[in-house]
Amino acid sequence: MTPNPPASGAAATPSPVPARAGLTAIHEALATRVLGKHHELYLALTCLLADGHLLIEDVPGVGKTTLAHALAQVFGLSFSRVQFTSDLMPSDILGVSIFNRNTTAFEFKPGPIFAELVLVDEVNRASPRTQSALLEAMSERQITVEGVTRELAPPFNVIATQNPVDHSGTFALPDSQMDRFLMRIGLGYPPAEAERQLLAEGNRRAAPIKALATSADLLAWQAAAARLTVRDAVLDYLLRLIHYSRRPGLFEQGLSPRAGLALRRAAQAWALLAGRDFVMPEDIQAVLASVADHRLIRRDGEREPASALLLEHVAIE
């Protein structure tokens, strides 16, 4: 389910461009870089508007890194990229204190985590020690180096790419870290027509995308999404989905309260993209797979996504 182009501005922003026109233009700009993936682009925008971290899981070469670069460019965000490897140390991400002989004092040199949008490439290749450093940044929006805590100023969002866990040199991320990703998506191979266009025109990452918004715009849209009305009937539907996931025998563990809040935030952001100031049950359905499937493991061995089971058995009333 992909939202129709937003029909009306959902919130005032510092930019003279109205929210409706701004978000539509942003989606169209992204679609010139990641071809034939309109639904996946809406999901990525939803995650960013919900102030969440995004995990993109897919095989190499389908545009995961291209999407992260494009999002940073179109929102005018400061950007950094960290390639995760087995020998990466926490200081390579967070930064390090270096002794200054002139001042006879240690000075902190910030690492790449100090950016508004951080791309973590191949997140499932690093050691648990390095993963724990990233986990604090994602969950607390802060880092701790040598006993000193430093805040990560908003906006701060992580986009991580992950190769399938059966690929060489990878390992499954712990549940605690997977839970810090608001949404998980896959891009997949492009449609034939889009791939033909890619082959004809070549690498689309060479030319940068013009910034169509600012970090202040993004913060305003995130705040606007968080204010969208969620009526009692919609909350009841969301609660039934959460409680059904906790029924004995279905999953290794049900959706947590944090997962429920993630569903609400994602549905609000999806509704904002659709140009509404209120959330509908269909908004929850639209984001359910990307929010819930990486948090739920079925016990019956079926490969059908967990979200499909929830949607099958929990009706909108």
C-alpha atoms as a PDB file:
ATOM      1  CA  MET A   1       0.000   0.000   0.000  1.00  0.00           C
ATOM      2  CA  THR A   2       1.530   3.287  -1.143  1.00  0.00           C
ATOM      3  CA  PRO A   3       0.025   6.603  -0.099  1.00  0.00           C
ATOM      4  CA  ASN A   4      -1.392   8.869  -2.725  1.00  0.00           C
ATOM      5  CA  PRO A   5       0.631  12.043  -3.233  1.00  0.00           C
ATOM      6  CA  PRO A   6      -0.068  14.235  -0.191  1.00  0.00           C
ATOM      7  CA  ALA A   7      -3.124  16.366  -0.758  1.00  0.00           C
ATOM      8  CA  SER A   8      -2.626  19.104   1.803  1.00  0.00           C
ATOM      9  CA  GLY A   9       0.063  20.503   4.052  1.00  0.00           C
ATOM     10  CA  ALA A  10       0.056  18.782   7.423  1.00  0.00           C
ATOM     11  CA  ALA A  11       2.195  21.297   9.271  1.00  0.00           C
ATOM     12  CA  ALA A  12       3.892  24.630   8.830  1.00  0.00           C
ATOM     13  CA  THR A  13       7.662  24.454   8.333  1.00  0.00           C
ATOM     14  CA  PRO A  14      10.427  27.044   8.451  1.00  0.00           C
ATOM     15  CA  SER A  15      10.751  26.675   4.682  1.00  0.00           C
ATOM     16  CA  PRO A  16       8.526  28.669   2.295  1.00  0.00           C
ATOM     17  CA  VAL A  17       7.773  25.389   0.550  1.00  0.00           C
ATOM     18  CA  PRO A  18       4.546  23.891   1.951  1.00  0.00           C
ATOM     19  CA  ALA A  19       4.787  20.438   3.494  1.00  0.00           C
ATOM     20  CA  ARG A  20       2.727  18.803   0.741  1.00  0.00           C
ATOM     21  CA  ALA A  21       4.800  20.185  -2.107  1.00  0.00           C
ATOM     22  CA  GLY A  22       8.048  19.699  -0.226  1.00  0.00           C
ATOM     23  CA  LEU A  23       7.505  16.022   0.581  1.00  0.00           C
ATOM     24  CA  THR A  24       6.205  15.258  -2.898  1.00  0.00           C
ATOM     25  CA  ALA A  25       9.230  16.915  -4.493  1.00  0.00           C
ATOM     26  CA  ILE A  26      11.531  14.997  -2.166  1.00  0.00           C
ATOM     27  CA  HIS A  27       9.966  11.675  -3.132  1.00  0.00           C
ATOM     28  CA  GLU A  28      10.233  12.525  -6.819  1.00  0.00           C
ATOM     29  CA  ALA A  29      13.899  13.460  -6.423  1.00  0.00           C
ATOM     30  CA  LEU A  30      14.647  10.187  -4.643  1.00  0.00           C
ATOM     31  CA  ALA A  31      12.883   8.297  -7.435  1.00  0.00           C
ATOM     32  CA  THR A  32      15.439   9.649  -9.915  1.00  0.00           C
ATOM     33  CA  ARG A  33      18.204   7.898  -7.976  1.00  0.00           C
ATOM     34  CA  VAL A  34      16.532   4.649  -6.882  1.00  0.00           C
ATOM     35  CA  LEU A  35      14.526   3.588  -9.904  1.00  0.00           C
ATOM     36  CA  GLY A  36      11.267   1.674  -9.788  1.00  0.00           C
ATOM     37  CA  LYS A  37      11.031   1.534  -5.986  1.00  0.00           C
ATOM     38  CA  HIS A  38       8.307   4.064  -5.135  1.00  0.00           C
ATOM     39  CA  HIS A  39       6.818   2.029  -2.274  1.00  0.00           C
ATOM     40  CA  GLU A  40      10.211   1.410  -0.672  1.00  0.00           C
ATOM     41  CA  LEU A  41      11.021   5.117  -0.951  1.00  0.00           C
ATOM     42  CA  TYR A  42       7.781   5.985   0.857  1.00  0.00           C
ATOM     43  CA  LEU A  43       8.773   3.575   3.632  1.00  0.00           C
ATOM     44  CA  ALA A  44      12.249   5.106   3.922  1.00  0.00           C
ATOM     45  CA  LEU A  45      10.743   8.600   4.095  1.00  0.00           C
ATOM     46  CA  THR A  46       8.245   7.360   6.673  1.00  0.00           C
ATOM     47  CA  CYS A  47      11.060   6.091   8.895  1.00  0.00           C
ATOM     48  CA  LEU A  48      12.915   9.404   8.703  1.00  0.00           C
ATOM     49  CA  LEU A  49       9.756  11.446   9.358  1.00  0.00           C
ATOM     50  CA  ALA A  50       9.049   9.196  12.354  1.00  0.00           C
ATOM     51  CA  ASP A  51      12.539  10.045  13.688  1.00  0.00           C
ATOM     52  CA  GLY A  52      13.570   6.405  13.508  1.00  0.00           C
ATOM     53  CA  HIS A  53      16.568   4.375  12.412  1.00  0.00           C
ATOM     54  CA  LEU A  54      16.271   2.340   9.217  1.00  0.00           C
ATOM     55  CA  LEU A  55      17.712  -1.086   8.413  1.00  0.00           C
ATOM     56  CA  ILE A  56      17.965  -1.982   4.726  1.00  0.00           C
ATOM     57  CA  GLU A  57      18.563  -5.699   4.270  1.00  0.00           C
ATOM     58  CA  ASP A  58      19.314  -7.042   0.830  1.00  0.00           C
ATOM     59  CA  VAL A  59      21.987  -8.487  -1.410  1.00  0.00           C
ATOM     60  CA  PRO A  60      24.863  -6.206  -2.487  1.00  0.00           C
ATOM     61  CA  GLY A  61      24.420  -3.894  -5.435  1.00  0.00           C
ATOM     62  CA  VAL A  62      20.692  -3.108  -5.393  1.00  0.00           C
ATOM     63  CA  GLY A  63      20.936   0.534  -4.279  1.00  0.00           C
ATOM     64  CA  LYS A  64      21.047   0.487  -0.481  1.00  0.00           C
ATOM     65  CA  THR A  65      23.952   2.925  -0.207  1.00  0.00           C
ATOM     66  CA  THR A  66      22.594   5.027  -3.062  1.00  0.00           C
ATOM     67  CA  LEU A  67      19.341   5.514  -1.152  1.00  0.00           C
ATOM     68  CA  ALA A  68      21.146   6.648   2.003  1.00  0.00           C
ATOM     69  CA  HIS A  69      23.260   9.164   0.080  1.00  0.00           C
ATOM     70  CA  ALA A  70      20.183  10.486  -1.731  1.00  0.00           C
ATOM     71  CA  LEU A  71      18.224  10.981   1.508  1.00  0.00           C
ATOM     72  CA  ALA A  72      21.057  13.006   3.028  1.00  0.00           C
ATOM     73  CA  GLN A  73      21.403  15.157  -0.082  1.00  0.00           C
ATOM     74  CA  VAL A  74      17.730  15.884  -0.598  1.00  0.00           C
ATOM     75  CA  PHE A  75      17.223  16.889   3.049  1.00  0.00           C
ATOM     76  CA  GLY A  76      20.455  18.876   3.163  1.00  0.00           C
ATOM     77  CA  LEU A  77      21.798  16.825   6.074  1.00  0.00           C
ATOM     78  CA  SER A  78      25.386  16.395   7.157  1.00  0.00           C
ATOM     79  CA  PHE A  79      26.375  12.859   6.217  1.00  0.00           C
ATOM     80  CA  SER A  80      28.970  10.294   7.187  1.00  0.00           C
ATOM     81  CA  ARG A  81      29.554   6.700   6.177  1.00  0.00           C
ATOM     82  CA  VAL A  82      31.118   3.940   8.260  1.00  0.00           C
ATOM     83  CA  GLN A  83      32.107   0.644   6.692  1.00  0.00           C
ATOM     84  CA  PHE A  84      31.714  -2.047   9.334  1.00  0.00           C
ATOM     85  CA  THR A  85      34.389  -4.738   9.342  1.00  0.00           C
ATOM     86  CA  SER A  86      35.426  -7.408  11.815  1.00  0.00           C
ATOM     87  CA  ASP A  87      38.371  -5.317  13.064  1.00  0.00           C
ATOM     88  CA  LEU A  88      36.492  -2.018  13.470  1.00  0.00           C
ATOM     89  CA  MET A  89      36.899  -0.521  16.943  1.00  0.00           C
ATOM     90  CA  PRO A  90      34.381   1.660  18.860  1.00  0.00           C
ATOM     91  CA  SER A  91      36.789   4.610  18.659  1.00  0.00           C
ATOM     92  CA  ASP A  92      36.624   4.396  14.868  1.00  0.00           C
ATOM     93  CA  ILE A  93      32.954   5.352  15.153  1.00  0.00           C
ATOM     94  CA  LEU A  94      32.737   7.498  18.268  1.00  0.00           C
ATOM     95  CA  GLY A  95      36.010   9.406  18.199  1.00  0.00           C
ATOM     96  CA  VAL A  96      39.092   9.534  20.366  1.00  0.00           C
ATOM     97  CA  SER A  97      40.904  11.865  22.758  1.00  0.00           C
ATOM     98  CA  ILE A  98      44.298  12.995  21.481  1.00  0.00           C
ATOM     99  CA  PHE A  99      46.968  14.704  23.575  1.00  0.00           C
ATOM    100  CA  ASN A 100      47.713  18.260  22.423  1.00  0.00           C
ATOM    101  CA  ARG A 101      51.300  19.184  23.280  1.00  0.00           C
ATOM    102  CA  ASN A 102      50.632  22.882  22.885  1.00  0.00           C
ATOM    103  CA  THR A 103      47.843  22.948  25.458  1.00  0.00           C
ATOM    104  CA  THR A 104      49.147  19.956  27.449  1.00  0.00           C
ATOM    105  CA  ALA A 105      45.627  18.593  27.507  1.00  0.00           C
ATOM    106  CA  PHE A 106      43.635  15.901  25.784  1.00  0.00           C
ATOM    107  CA  GLU A 107      41.255  17.041  23.028  1.00  0.00           C
ATOM    108  CA  PHE A 108      38.342  14.985  21.780  1.00  0.00           C
ATOM    109  CA  LYS A 109      38.263  14.375  18.028  1.00  0.00           C
ATOM    110  CA  PRO A 110      34.685  13.461  17.052  1.00  0.00           C
ATOM    111  CA  GLY A 111      34.150  10.348  14.993  1.00  0.00           C
ATOM    112  CA  PRO A 112      31.745   9.843  12.085  1.00  0.00           C
ATOM    113  CA  ILE A 113      28.820   9.235  14.455  1.00  0.00           C
ATOM    114  CA  PHE A 114      28.606  13.029  14.814  1.00  0.00           C
ATOM    115  CA  ALA A 115      26.512  13.610  11.708  1.00  0.00           C
ATOM    116  CA  GLU A 116      22.824  14.187  11.078  1.00  0.00           C
ATOM    117  CA  LEU A 117      22.523  11.082   8.905  1.00  0.00           C
ATOM    118  CA  VAL A 118      24.950   8.226   9.476  1.00  0.00           C
ATOM    119  CA  LEU A 119      25.230   5.351   7.019  1.00  0.00           C
ATOM    120  CA  VAL A 120      26.495   2.137   8.592  1.00  0.00           C
ATOM    121  CA  ASP A 121      27.411  -0.165   5.740  1.00  0.00           C
ATOM    122  CA  GLU A 122      27.221  -3.921   6.331  1.00  0.00           C
ATOM    123  CA  VAL A 123      26.299  -3.524   9.980  1.00  0.00           C
ATOM    124  CA  ASN A 124      26.323  -7.273  10.605  1.00  0.00           C
ATOM    125  CA  ARG A 125      30.064  -7.629   9.977  1.00  0.00           C
ATOM    126  CA  ALA A 126      31.366  -5.886  13.115  1.00  0.00           C
ATOM    127  CA  SER A 127      32.202  -7.309  16.537  1.00  0.00           C
ATOM    128  CA  PRO A 128      29.771  -7.190  19.486  1.00  0.00           C
ATOM    129  CA  ARG A 129      31.961  -4.567  21.200  1.00  0.00           C
ATOM    130  CA  THR A 130      31.586  -2.193  18.269  1.00  0.00           C
ATOM    131  CA  GLN A 131      27.899  -2.999  17.971  1.00  0.00           C
ATOM    132  CA  SER A 132      27.378  -2.000  21.606  1.00  0.00           C
ATOM    133  CA  ALA A 133      28.885   1.428  20.929  1.00  0.00           C
ATOM    134  CA  LEU A 134      26.501   1.919  18.032  1.00  0.00           C
ATOM    135  CA  LEU A 135      23.601   0.680  20.152  1.00  0.00           C
ATOM    136  CA  GLU A 136      24.074   3.447  22.743  1.00  0.00           C
ATOM    137  CA  ALA A 137      24.117   6.082  20.006  1.00  0.00           C
ATOM    138  CA  MET A 138      20.947   4.709  18.430  1.00  0.00           C
ATOM    139  CA  SER A 139      18.940   4.197  21.584  1.00  0.00           C
ATOM    140  CA  GLU A 140      20.104   7.109  23.756  1.00  0.00           C
ATOM    141  CA  ARG A 141      21.182   9.650  21.103  1.00  0.00           C
ATOM    142  CA  GLN A 142      24.430   9.988  23.007  1.00  0.00           C
ATOM    143  CA  ILE A 143      27.860   8.385  23.225  1.00  0.00           C
ATOM    144  CA  THR A 144      30.217   7.721  26.104  1.00  0.00           C
ATOM    145  CA  VAL A 145      33.977   7.951  25.580  1.00  0.00           C
ATOM    146  CA  GLU A 146      36.419   7.604  28.472  1.00  0.00           C
ATOM    147  CA  GLY A 147      33.623   8.184  30.968  1.00  0.00           C
ATOM    148  CA  VAL A 148      32.415  11.399  29.329  1.00  0.00           C
ATOM    149  CA  THR A 149      28.923  11.452  27.801  1.00  0.00           C
ATOM    150  CA  ARG A 150      28.336  13.565  24.706  1.00  0.00           C
ATOM    151  CA  GLU A 151      24.927  14.277  23.218  1.00  0.00           C
ATOM    152  CA  LEU A 152      24.129  13.714  19.551  1.00  0.00           C
ATOM    153  CA  ALA A 153      22.173  16.777  18.492  1.00  0.00           C
ATOM    154  CA  PRO A 154      18.972  16.300  16.485  1.00  0.00           C
ATOM    155  CA  PRO A 155      18.328  15.421  13.817  1.00  0.00           C
ATOM    156  CA  PHE A 156      20.280  12.207  14.254  1.00  0.00           C
ATOM    157  CA  ASN A 157      19.296   9.113  12.335  1.00  0.00           C
ATOM    158  CA  VAL A 158      21.110   5.946  11.352  1.00  0.00           C
ATOM    159  CA  ILE A 159      20.596   4.036   8.129  1.00  0.00           C
ATOM    160  CA  ALA A 160      22.261   0.643   8.276  1.00  0.00           C
ATOM    161  CA  THR A 161      22.677  -1.822   5.450  1.00  0.00           C
ATOM    162  CA  GLN A 162      22.838  -5.516   6.087  1.00  0.00           C
ATOM    163  CA  ASN A 163      23.642  -8.450   3.858  1.00  0.00           C
ATOM    164  CA  PRO A 164      21.502 -11.559   4.353  1.00  0.00           C
ATOM    165  CA  VAL A 165      22.794 -13.492   7.367  1.00  0.00           C
ATOM    166  CA  ASP A 166      23.646 -16.552   5.270  1.00  0.00           C
ATOM    167  CA  HIS A 167      26.260 -14.571   3.327  1.00  0.00           C
ATOM    168  CA  SER A 168      29.944 -15.119   4.070  1.00  0.00           C
ATOM    169  CA  GLY A 169      31.348 -13.096   6.964  1.00  0.00           C
ATOM    170  CA  THR A 170      28.033 -12.082   8.474  1.00  0.00           C
ATOM    171  CA  PHE A 171      26.255 -12.891  11.721  1.00  0.00           C
ATOM    172  CA  ALA A 172      22.817 -12.193  13.099  1.00  0.00           C
ATOM    173  CA  LEU A 173      22.410  -8.989  15.093  1.00  0.00           C
ATOM    174  CA  PRO A 174      21.155  -9.416  18.665  1.00  0.00           C
ATOM    175  CA  ASP A 175      17.453  -8.836  19.278  1.00  0.00           C
ATOM    176  CA  SER A 176      18.206  -5.755  21.395  1.00  0.00           C
ATOM    177  CA  GLN A 177      19.886  -4.069  18.444  1.00  0.00           C
ATOM    178  CA  MET A 178      17.316  -5.147  15.871  1.00  0.00           C
ATOM    179  CA  ASP A 179      14.668  -3.595  18.126  1.00  0.00           C
ATOM    180  CA  ARG A 180      16.391  -0.197  17.883  1.00  0.00           C
ATOM    181  CA  PHE A 181      15.652  -0.067  14.167  1.00  0.00           C
ATOM    182  CA  LEU A 182      12.225   1.469  13.779  1.00  0.00           C
ATOM    183  CA  MET A 183      11.796  -0.135  10.371  1.00  0.00           C
ATOM    184  CA  ARG A 184      13.439  -2.730   8.153  1.00  0.00           C
ATOM    185  CA  ILE A 185      12.988  -2.763   4.399  1.00  0.00           C
ATOM    186  CA  GLY A 186      14.442  -4.515   1.385  1.00  0.00           C
ATOM    187  CA  LEU A 187      14.887  -3.017  -2.063  1.00  0.00           C
ATOM    188  CA  GLY A 188      15.111  -6.088  -4.262  1.00  0.00           C
ATOM    189  CA  TYR A 189      15.964  -6.089  -7.933  1.00  0.00           C
ATOM    190  CA  PRO A 190      14.525  -3.254 -10.015  1.00  0.00           C
ATOM    191  CA  PRO A 191      11.713  -3.813 -12.525  1.00  0.00           C
ATOM    192  CA  ALA A 192      12.902  -4.576 -16.047  1.00  0.00           C
ATOM    193  CA  GLU A 193      12.009  -1.131 -17.398  1.00  0.00           C
ATOM    194  CA  ALA A 194      13.829   0.635 -14.547  1.00  0.00           C
ATOM    195  CA  GLU A 195      16.883  -1.582 -14.933  1.00  0.00           C
ATOM    196  CA  ARG A 196      17.016  -0.885 -18.655  1.00  0.00           C
ATOM    197  CA  GLN A 197      16.995   2.848 -17.885  1.00  0.00           C
ATOM    198  CA  LEU A 198      19.826   2.301 -15.398  1.00  0.00           C
ATOM    199  CA  LEU A 199      21.880   0.398 -17.969  1.00  0.00           C
ATOM    200  CA  ALA A 200      21.282   3.100 -20.577  1.00  0.00           C
ATOM    201  CA  GLU A 201      22.178   6.043 -18.335  1.00  0.00           C
ATOM    202  CA  GLY A 202      24.894   4.525 -16.135  1.00  0.00           C
ATOM    203  CA  ASN A 203      25.715   5.230 -12.494  1.00  0.00           C
ATOM    204  CA  ARG A 204      23.133   7.607 -11.038  1.00  0.00           C
ATOM    205  CA  ARG A 205      25.152   8.487  -7.905  1.00  0.00           C
ATOM    206  CA  ALA A 206      27.640  10.643  -9.798  1.00  0.00           C
ATOM    207  CA  ALA A 207      25.422  13.744  -9.989  1.00  0.00           C
ATOM    208  CA  PRO A 208      24.316  15.034  -6.557  1.00  0.00           C
ATOM    209  CA  ILE A 209      20.664  15.766  -5.821  1.00  0.00           C
ATOM    210  CA  LYS A 210      19.768  19.364  -5.099  1.00  0.00           C
ATOM    211  CA  ALA A 211      18.780  19.922  -1.474  1.00  0.00           C
ATOM    212  CA  LEU A 212      15.018  20.480  -1.323  1.00  0.00           C
ATOM    213  CA  ALA A 213      14.764  20.914   2.453  1.00  0.00           C
ATOM    214  CA  THR A 214      16.882  21.621   5.501  1.00  0.00           C
ATOM    215  CA  SER A 215      17.488  19.906   8.798  1.00  0.00           C
ATOM    216  CA  ALA A 216      15.094  22.448  10.335  1.00  0.00           C
ATOM    217  CA  ASP A 217      12.413  21.364   7.864  1.00  0.00           C
ATOM    218  CA  LEU A 218      12.973  17.738   8.780  1.00  0.00           C
ATOM    219  CA  LEU A 219      12.669  18.485  12.500  1.00  0.00           C
ATOM    220  CA  ALA A 220       9.453  20.412  11.854  1.00  0.00           C
ATOM    221  CA  TRP A 221       7.977  17.548   9.831  1.00  0.00           C
ATOM    222  CA  GLN A 222       9.005  15.044  12.508  1.00  0.00           C
ATOM    223  CA  ALA A 223       7.243  17.171  15.119  1.00  0.00           C
ATOM    224  CA  ALA A 224       4.184  17.502  12.881  1.00  0.00           C
ATOM    225  CA  ALA A 225       3.990  13.740  12.406  1.00  0.00           C
ATOM    226  CA  ALA A 226       4.187  13.167  16.164  1.00  0.00           C
ATOM    227  CA  ARG A 227       1.201  15.501  16.661  1.00  0.00           C
ATOM    228  CA  LEU A 228      -1.120  13.701  14.245  1.00  0.00           C
ATOM    229  CA  THR A 229      -4.351  12.538  15.853  1.00  0.00           C
ATOM    230  CA  VAL A 230      -4.677   8.839  16.700  1.00  0.00           C
ATOM    231  CA  ARG A 231      -8.319   8.186  17.556  1.00  0.00           C
ATOM    232  CA  ASP A 232      -9.458   5.628  20.115  1.00  0.00           C
ATOM    233  CA  ALA A 233     -10.683   3.188  17.456  1.00  0.00           C
ATOM    234  CA  VAL A 234      -7.255   3.218  15.818  1.00  0.00           C
ATOM    235  CA  LEU A 235      -5.512   2.732  19.163  1.00  0.00           C
ATOM    236  CA  ASP A 236      -7.815  -0.207  19.870  1.00  0.00           C
ATOM    237  CA  TYR A 237      -6.895  -1.794  16.538  1.00  0.00           C
ATOM    238  CA  LEU A 238      -3.210  -1.269  17.245  1.00  0.00           C
ATOM    239  CA  LEU A 239      -3.614  -2.803  20.696  1.00  0.00           C
ATOM    240  CA  ARG A 240      -5.371  -5.874  19.266  1.00  0.00           C
ATOM    241  CA  LEU A 241      -2.486  -6.431  16.854  1.00  0.00           C
ATOM    242  CA  ILE A 242       0.042  -6.176  19.676  1.00  0.00           C
ATOM    243  CA  HIS A 243      -1.875  -8.500  21.987  1.00  0.00           C
ATOM    244  CA  TYR A 244      -2.462 -11.074  19.254  1.00  0.00           C
ATOM    245  CA  SER A 245       1.301 -11.237  18.667  1.00  0.00           C
ATOM    246  CA  ARG A 246       1.724 -12.269  22.303  1.00  0.00           C
ATOM    247  CA  ARG A 247      -0.584 -15.293  22.106  1.00  0.00           C
ATOM    248  CA  PRO A 248       1.226 -18.468  23.237  1.00  0.00           C
ATOM    249  CA  GLY A 249       2.722 -20.590  20.497  1.00  0.00           C
ATOM    250  CA  LEU A 250       2.754 -18.016  17.694  1.00  0.00           C
ATOM    251  CA  PHE A 251       6.106 -16.268  18.026  1.00  0.00           C
ATOM    252  CA  GLU A 252       9.294 -16.593  20.037  1.00  0.00           C
ATOM    253  CA  GLN A 253       8.233 -13.353  21.700  1.00  0.00           C
ATOM    254  CA  GLY A 254       5.450 -10.887  21.014  1.00  0.00           C
ATOM    255  CA  LEU A 255       5.613  -7.229  20.162  1.00  0.00           C
ATOM    256  CA  SER A 256       6.949  -5.174  23.055  1.00  0.00           C
ATOM    257  CA  PRO A 257       5.583  -1.814  24.249  1.00  0.00           C
ATOM    258  CA  ARG A 258       8.489  -0.192  22.381  1.00  0.00           C
ATOM    259  CA  ALA A 259       7.372  -1.956  19.216  1.00  0.00           C
ATOM    260  CA  GLY A 260       3.837  -0.675  19.764  1.00  0.00           C
ATOM    261  CA  LEU A 261       5.122   2.874  20.034  1.00  0.00           C
ATOM    262  CA  ALA A 262       7.163   2.322  16.883  1.00  0.00           C
ATOM    263  CA  LEU A 263       4.025   1.231  15.028  1.00  0.00           C
ATOM    264  CA  ARG A 264       2.191   4.331  16.183  1.00  0.00           C
ATOM    265  CA  ARG A 265       5.014   6.672  15.150  1.00  0.00           C
ATOM    266  CA  ALA A 266       5.417   5.022  11.757  1.00  0.00           C
ATOM    267  CA  ALA A 267       1.672   5.148  11.094  1.00  0.00           C
ATOM    268  CA  GLN A 268       1.609   8.856  11.972  1.00  0.00           C
ATOM    269  CA  ALA A 269       4.466   9.554   9.556  1.00  0.00           C
ATOM    270  CA  TRP A 270       2.744   7.523   6.820  1.00  0.00           C
ATOM    271  CA  ALA A 271      -0.426   9.531   7.345  1.00  0.00           C
ATOM    272  CA  LEU A 272       1.571  12.768   7.091  1.00  0.00           C
ATOM    273  CA  LEU A 273       2.931  11.618   3.737  1.00  0.00           C
ATOM    274  CA  ALA A 274      -0.633  10.902   2.665  1.00  0.00           C
ATOM    275  CA  GLY A 275      -1.593  14.495   3.503  1.00  0.00           C
ATOM    276  CA  ARG A 276      -3.814  13.782   6.517  1.00  0.00           C
ATOM    277  CA  ASP A 277      -3.728  15.111  10.070  1.00  0.00           C
ATOM    278  CA  PHE A 278      -5.143  11.897  11.525  1.00  0.00           C
ATOM    279  CA  VAL A 279      -4.203   8.220  11.446  1.00  0.00           C
ATOM    280  CA  MET A 280      -6.349   5.484   9.906  1.00  0.00           C
ATOM    281  CA  PRO A 281      -6.108   1.724  10.527  1.00  0.00           C
ATOM    282  CA  GLU A 282      -4.881   1.397   6.949  1.00  0.00           C
ATOM    283  CA  ASP A 283      -1.824   3.457   7.907  1.00  0.00           C
ATOM    284  CA  ILE A 284      -0.927   0.873  10.533  1.00  0.00           C
ATOM    285  CA  GLN A 285      -1.414  -1.896   7.993  1.00  0.00           C
ATOM    286  CA  ALA A 286       0.841  -0.093   5.512  1.00  0.00           C
ATOM    287  CA  VAL A 287       3.819   0.031   7.902  1.00  0.00           C
ATOM    288  CA  LEU A 288       3.180  -3.169   9.863  1.00  0.00           C
ATOM    289  CA  ALA A 289       5.506  -5.432   7.884  1.00  0.00           C
ATOM    290  CA  SER A 290       8.470  -3.059   7.997  1.00  0.00           C
ATOM    291  CA  VAL A 291       8.030  -2.388  11.724  1.00  0.00           C
ATOM    292  CA  ALA A 292       7.064  -5.834  13.004  1.00  0.00           C
ATOM    293  CA  ASP A 293       8.658  -8.525  10.849  1.00  0.00           C
ATOM    294  CA  HIS A 294      12.220  -8.019  12.128  1.00  0.00           C
ATOM    295  CA  ARG A 295      10.947  -8.180  15.703  1.00  0.00           C
ATOM    296  CA  LEU A 296       8.859 -11.356  15.393  1.00  0.00           C
ATOM    297  CA  ILE A 297      10.040 -14.931  14.759  1.00  0.00           C
ATOM    298  CA  ARG A 298       7.363 -17.508  13.991  1.00  0.00           C
ATOM    299  CA  ARG A 299       7.418 -20.747  15.960  1.00  0.00           C
ATOM    300  CA  ASP A 300       5.587 -22.835  13.370  1.00  0.00           C
ATOM    301  CA  GLY A 301       8.451 -22.716  10.903  1.00  0.00           C
ATOM    302  CA  GLU A 302       6.409 -20.994   8.210  1.00  0.00           C
ATOM    303  CA  ARG A 303       8.277 -18.569   5.983  1.00  0.00           C
ATOM    304  CA  GLU A 304       5.273 -16.282   5.520  1.00  0.00           C
ATOM    305  CA  PRO A 305       5.996 -12.943   7.249  1.00  0.00           C
ATOM    306  CA  ALA A 306       4.710 -12.510  10.774  1.00  0.00           C
ATOM    307  CA  SER A 307       2.782  -9.392   9.763  1.00  0.00           C
ATOM    308  CA  ALA A 308       0.693 -11.437   7.325  1.00  0.00           C
ATOM    309  CA  LEU A 309      -0.468 -13.643  10.201  1.00  0.00           C
ATOM    310  CA  LEU A 310      -1.448 -10.625  12.265  1.00  0.00           C
ATOM    311  CA  LEU A 311      -3.376  -9.016   9.423  1.00  0.00           C
ATOM    312  CA  GLU A 312      -5.159 -12.282   8.696  1.00  0.00           C
ATOM    313  CA  HIS A 313      -6.473 -12.726  12.229  1.00  0.00           C
ATOM    314  CA  VAL A 314      -6.962  -9.169  13.512  1.00  0.00           C
ATOM    315  CA  ALA A 315      -9.721  -7.298  11.741  1.00  0.00           C
ATOM    316  CA  ILE A 316     -10.516  -3.590  11.658  1.00  0.00           C
ATOM    317  CA  GLU A 317     -13.691  -2.982  13.665  1.00  0.00           C
END
